[in-house]
Amino acid sequence: NPAALTLVARQLQTRAGFYVGDTADDLALVLNYRASAEGTQPPFLAIMIASGPEADIYRQRGADIILSQISELPAALARLRDAGHEQ
């Protein structure tokens, strides 16, 4: 239910966020949130933990970042931060 991310964004008063998941339902949550938010809510990135064919499917469905294991998350977030500072 995309209302979960809406509630999180409101409670935290955030300008953006990310959701890390490893199932199709996790990705669907973020995609449904995006569809329902229609630019009125803070953006959320979909970060999926997957490898092989599963990673390809998540990428095709719209995942923003694919990691093969959760331990890669800090480096991925650092790259996002650094990319934001370049703009």
N, C-alpha and C. Protein backbone atom coordinates (compact mmCIF):
# COMPACT_ATOMS: atom_id res chain seq x y z
N ASN A 1 0.85 -1.17 0.00
CA ASN A 1 0.00 0.00 0.00
C ASN A 1 0.90 1.24 0.00
N PRO A 2 0.78 2.10 -1.00
CA PRO A 2 1.65 3.28 -1.07
C PRO A 2 1.42 4.27 0.07
N ALA A 3 0.32 4.13 0.78
CA ALA A 3 0.07 5.03 1.91
C ALA A 3 1.16 4.89 2.97
N ALA A 4 1.81 3.76 3.03
CA ALA A 4 2.88 3.56 4.02
C ALA A 4 4.03 4.54 3.78
N LEU A 5 4.44 4.70 2.53
CA LEU A 5 5.52 5.65 2.24
C LEU A 5 5.05 7.09 2.42
N THR A 6 3.82 7.36 2.10
CA THR A 6 3.27 8.70 2.31
C THR A 6 3.32 9.05 3.79
N LEU A 7 2.92 8.12 4.64
CA LEU A 7 2.95 8.34 6.08
C LEU A 7 4.38 8.57 6.58
N VAL A 8 5.31 7.77 6.11
CA VAL A 8 6.71 7.93 6.51
C VAL A 8 7.22 9.31 6.11
N ALA A 9 6.95 9.71 4.88
CA ALA A 9 7.43 11.01 4.40
C ALA A 9 6.85 12.15 5.23
N ARG A 10 5.58 12.05 5.55
CA ARG A 10 4.95 13.10 6.36
C ARG A 10 5.50 13.12 7.78
N GLN A 11 5.62 11.96 8.39
CA GLN A 11 6.10 11.89 9.77
C GLN A 11 7.52 12.40 9.90
N LEU A 12 8.35 12.09 8.92
CA LEU A 12 9.75 12.50 8.96
C LEU A 12 9.97 13.88 8.34
N GLN A 13 8.93 14.40 7.71
CA GLN A 13 9.03 15.69 7.01
C GLN A 13 10.25 15.73 6.10
N THR A 14 10.38 14.69 5.31
CA THR A 14 11.53 14.53 4.44
C THR A 14 11.26 15.14 3.06
N ARG A 15 12.33 15.47 2.38
CA ARG A 15 12.22 15.96 1.00
C ARG A 15 12.41 14.85 -0.01
N ALA A 16 12.95 13.72 0.43
CA ALA A 16 13.20 12.57 -0.44
C ALA A 16 13.53 11.37 0.44
N GLY A 17 13.50 10.19 -0.16
CA GLY A 17 13.82 8.99 0.61
C GLY A 17 14.18 7.84 -0.29
N PHE A 18 14.49 6.73 0.33
CA PHE A 18 14.74 5.51 -0.42
C PHE A 18 14.15 4.34 0.34
N TYR A 19 13.80 3.32 -0.42
CA TYR A 19 13.22 2.11 0.15
C TYR A 19 14.05 0.95 -0.36
N VAL A 20 14.57 0.16 0.55
CA VAL A 20 15.39 -1.00 0.19
C VAL A 20 14.54 -2.24 0.36
N GLY A 21 14.50 -3.06 -0.68
CA GLY A 21 13.72 -4.29 -0.61
C GLY A 21 14.35 -5.41 -1.41
N ASP A 22 13.76 -6.59 -1.26
CA ASP A 22 14.28 -7.74 -1.99
C ASP A 22 13.18 -8.61 -2.58
N THR A 23 11.98 -8.06 -2.68
CA THR A 23 10.88 -8.82 -3.27
C THR A 23 10.14 -7.95 -4.28
N ALA A 24 9.38 -8.60 -5.14
CA ALA A 24 8.57 -7.87 -6.12
C ALA A 24 7.57 -6.94 -5.42
N ASP A 25 7.07 -7.36 -4.27
CA ASP A 25 6.14 -6.51 -3.51
C ASP A 25 6.82 -5.23 -3.04
N ASP A 26 8.09 -5.31 -2.67
CA ASP A 26 8.83 -4.12 -2.23
C ASP A 26 8.94 -3.11 -3.37
N LEU A 27 9.28 -3.60 -4.55
CA LEU A 27 9.37 -2.70 -5.69
C LEU A 27 8.00 -2.14 -6.04
N ALA A 28 6.99 -2.97 -5.99
CA ALA A 28 5.62 -2.51 -6.30
C ALA A 28 5.19 -1.40 -5.34
N LEU A 29 5.60 -1.48 -4.08
CA LEU A 29 5.26 -0.44 -3.12
C LEU A 29 5.76 0.92 -3.59
N VAL A 30 7.03 0.98 -3.98
CA VAL A 30 7.60 2.25 -4.42
C VAL A 30 6.96 2.70 -5.73
N LEU A 31 6.77 1.80 -6.66
CA LEU A 31 6.18 2.17 -7.94
C LEU A 31 4.74 2.66 -7.76
N ASN A 32 3.99 2.01 -6.89
CA ASN A 32 2.62 2.45 -6.61
C ASN A 32 2.60 3.80 -5.90
N TYR A 33 3.55 4.02 -5.02
CA TYR A 33 3.69 5.31 -4.34
C TYR A 33 3.92 6.41 -5.38
N ARG A 34 4.85 6.16 -6.29
CA ARG A 34 5.15 7.15 -7.32
C ARG A 34 3.91 7.47 -8.14
N ALA A 35 3.17 6.44 -8.51
CA ALA A 35 1.97 6.64 -9.33
C ALA A 35 0.91 7.42 -8.57
N SER A 36 0.79 7.17 -7.27
CA SER A 36 -0.25 7.84 -6.50
C SER A 36 0.17 9.23 -6.05
N ALA A 37 1.47 9.47 -5.91
CA ALA A 37 1.96 10.76 -5.41
C ALA A 37 1.84 11.85 -6.47
N GLU A 38 2.02 11.51 -7.73
CA GLU A 38 1.88 12.45 -8.84
C GLU A 38 2.56 13.79 -8.58
N GLY A 39 3.77 13.75 -8.05
CA GLY A 39 4.53 14.96 -7.84
C GLY A 39 4.16 15.75 -6.60
N THR A 40 3.20 15.26 -5.83
CA THR A 40 2.79 15.99 -4.64
C THR A 40 3.50 15.52 -3.38
N GLN A 41 4.20 14.41 -3.47
CA GLN A 41 4.91 13.85 -2.33
C GLN A 41 6.40 13.79 -2.64
N PRO A 42 7.23 13.70 -1.63
CA PRO A 42 8.68 13.59 -1.87
C PRO A 42 9.01 12.34 -2.68
N PRO A 43 10.01 12.43 -3.54
CA PRO A 43 10.39 11.26 -4.33
C PRO A 43 11.07 10.20 -3.46
N PHE A 44 10.86 8.95 -3.83
CA PHE A 44 11.54 7.82 -3.18
C PHE A 44 12.22 7.00 -4.25
N LEU A 45 13.45 6.59 -3.98
CA LEU A 45 14.17 5.67 -4.85
C LEU A 45 13.85 4.24 -4.44
N ALA A 46 13.80 3.37 -5.42
CA ALA A 46 13.63 1.94 -5.16
C ALA A 46 15.01 1.28 -5.28
N ILE A 47 15.50 0.79 -4.16
CA ILE A 47 16.79 0.09 -4.13
C ILE A 47 16.49 -1.37 -3.87
N MET A 48 16.88 -2.22 -4.82
CA MET A 48 16.57 -3.64 -4.72
C MET A 48 17.84 -4.46 -4.51
N ILE A 49 17.70 -5.47 -3.66
CA ILE A 49 18.79 -6.42 -3.42
C ILE A 49 18.47 -7.66 -4.25
N ALA A 50 19.27 -7.88 -5.28
CA ALA A 50 19.02 -9.01 -6.19
C ALA A 50 20.24 -9.22 -7.07
N SER A 51 20.27 -10.37 -7.70
CA SER A 51 21.33 -10.66 -8.66
C SER A 51 20.78 -11.55 -9.76
N GLY A 52 21.55 -11.69 -10.82
CA GLY A 52 21.16 -12.55 -11.93
C GLY A 52 19.89 -12.09 -12.63
N PRO A 53 19.10 -13.04 -13.11
CA PRO A 53 17.88 -12.72 -13.84
C PRO A 53 16.89 -11.88 -13.03
N GLU A 54 16.86 -12.11 -11.73
CA GLU A 54 15.96 -11.34 -10.87
C GLU A 54 16.33 -9.85 -10.90
N ALA A 55 17.61 -9.55 -10.88
CA ALA A 55 18.06 -8.16 -10.96
C ALA A 55 17.63 -7.52 -12.27
N ASP A 56 17.74 -8.28 -13.35
CA ASP A 56 17.33 -7.76 -14.66
C ASP A 56 15.84 -7.44 -14.68
N ILE A 57 15.03 -8.28 -14.07
CA ILE A 57 13.59 -8.04 -14.02
C ILE A 57 13.29 -6.79 -13.22
N TYR A 58 13.92 -6.62 -12.07
CA TYR A 58 13.70 -5.42 -11.26
C TYR A 58 14.12 -4.16 -12.02
N ARG A 59 15.23 -4.25 -12.73
CA ARG A 59 15.71 -3.10 -13.51
C ARG A 59 14.69 -2.75 -14.59
N GLN A 60 14.18 -3.76 -15.28
CA GLN A 60 13.18 -3.53 -16.32
C GLN A 60 11.89 -2.95 -15.75
N ARG A 61 11.53 -3.34 -14.55
CA ARG A 61 10.29 -2.85 -13.93
C ARG A 61 10.43 -1.45 -13.36
N GLY A 62 11.65 -0.93 -13.22
CA GLY A 62 11.80 0.45 -12.79
C GLY A 62 12.60 0.69 -11.53
N ALA A 63 13.31 -0.32 -11.02
CA ALA A 63 14.16 -0.11 -9.85
C ALA A 63 15.26 0.91 -10.19
N ASP A 64 15.57 1.76 -9.24
CA ASP A 64 16.58 2.79 -9.47
C ASP A 64 17.99 2.28 -9.26
N ILE A 65 18.16 1.44 -8.26
CA ILE A 65 19.48 0.90 -7.93
C ILE A 65 19.31 -0.58 -7.63
N ILE A 66 20.21 -1.39 -8.17
CA ILE A 66 20.24 -2.83 -7.89
C ILE A 66 21.56 -3.14 -7.20
N LEU A 67 21.47 -3.77 -6.05
CA LEU A 67 22.66 -4.20 -5.31
C LEU A 67 22.60 -5.72 -5.18
N SER A 68 23.75 -6.36 -5.24
CA SER A 68 23.75 -7.81 -5.10
C SER A 68 23.67 -8.24 -3.64
N GLN A 69 24.07 -7.34 -2.72
CA GLN A 69 23.96 -7.64 -1.30
C GLN A 69 23.83 -6.34 -0.51
N ILE A 70 23.22 -6.43 0.64
CA ILE A 70 22.93 -5.24 1.45
C ILE A 70 24.20 -4.52 1.89
N SER A 71 25.29 -5.23 2.00
CA SER A 71 26.53 -4.58 2.43
C SER A 71 27.02 -3.54 1.43
N GLU A 72 26.48 -3.54 0.21
CA GLU A 72 26.84 -2.55 -0.80
C GLU A 72 26.09 -1.23 -0.62
N LEU A 73 25.11 -1.19 0.27
CA LEU A 73 24.27 -0.01 0.44
C LEU A 73 25.05 1.25 0.83
N PRO A 74 25.94 1.21 1.82
CA PRO A 74 26.65 2.45 2.19
C PRO A 74 27.41 3.07 1.01
N ALA A 75 28.06 2.25 0.21
CA ALA A 75 28.81 2.79 -0.94
C ALA A 75 27.86 3.35 -1.99
N ALA A 76 26.72 2.70 -2.19
CA ALA A 76 25.74 3.21 -3.16
C ALA A 76 25.18 4.55 -2.71
N LEU A 77 24.91 4.69 -1.43
CA LEU A 77 24.40 5.96 -0.91
C LEU A 77 25.46 7.05 -0.99
N ALA A 78 26.71 6.69 -0.77
CA ALA A 78 27.80 7.66 -0.89
C ALA A 78 27.92 8.15 -2.33
N ARG A 79 27.74 7.24 -3.30
CA ARG A 79 27.78 7.66 -4.70
C ARG A 79 26.65 8.61 -5.03
N LEU A 80 25.46 8.34 -4.47
CA LEU A 80 24.32 9.25 -4.68
C LEU A 80 24.63 10.62 -4.09
N ARG A 81 25.16 10.63 -2.88
CA ARG A 81 25.51 11.89 -2.22
C ARG A 81 26.51 12.66 -3.05
N ASP A 82 27.56 11.97 -3.50
CA ASP A 82 28.60 12.63 -4.28
C ASP A 82 28.06 13.14 -5.61
N ALA A 83 27.18 12.40 -6.24
CA ALA A 83 26.57 12.84 -7.49
C ALA A 83 25.72 14.09 -7.27
N GLY A 84 25.05 14.17 -6.13
CA GLY A 84 24.25 15.33 -5.81
C GLY A 84 25.09 16.58 -5.58
N HIS A 85 26.30 16.40 -5.10
CA HIS A 85 27.18 17.54 -4.85
C HIS A 85 27.81 18.05 -6.15
N GLU A 86 27.82 17.21 -7.19
CA GLU A 86 28.40 17.61 -8.46
C GLU A 86 27.48 18.54 -9.23
N GLN A 87 26.21 18.55 -8.90
CA GLN A 87 25.24 19.35 -9.66
C GLN A 87 25.30 20.77 -9.33
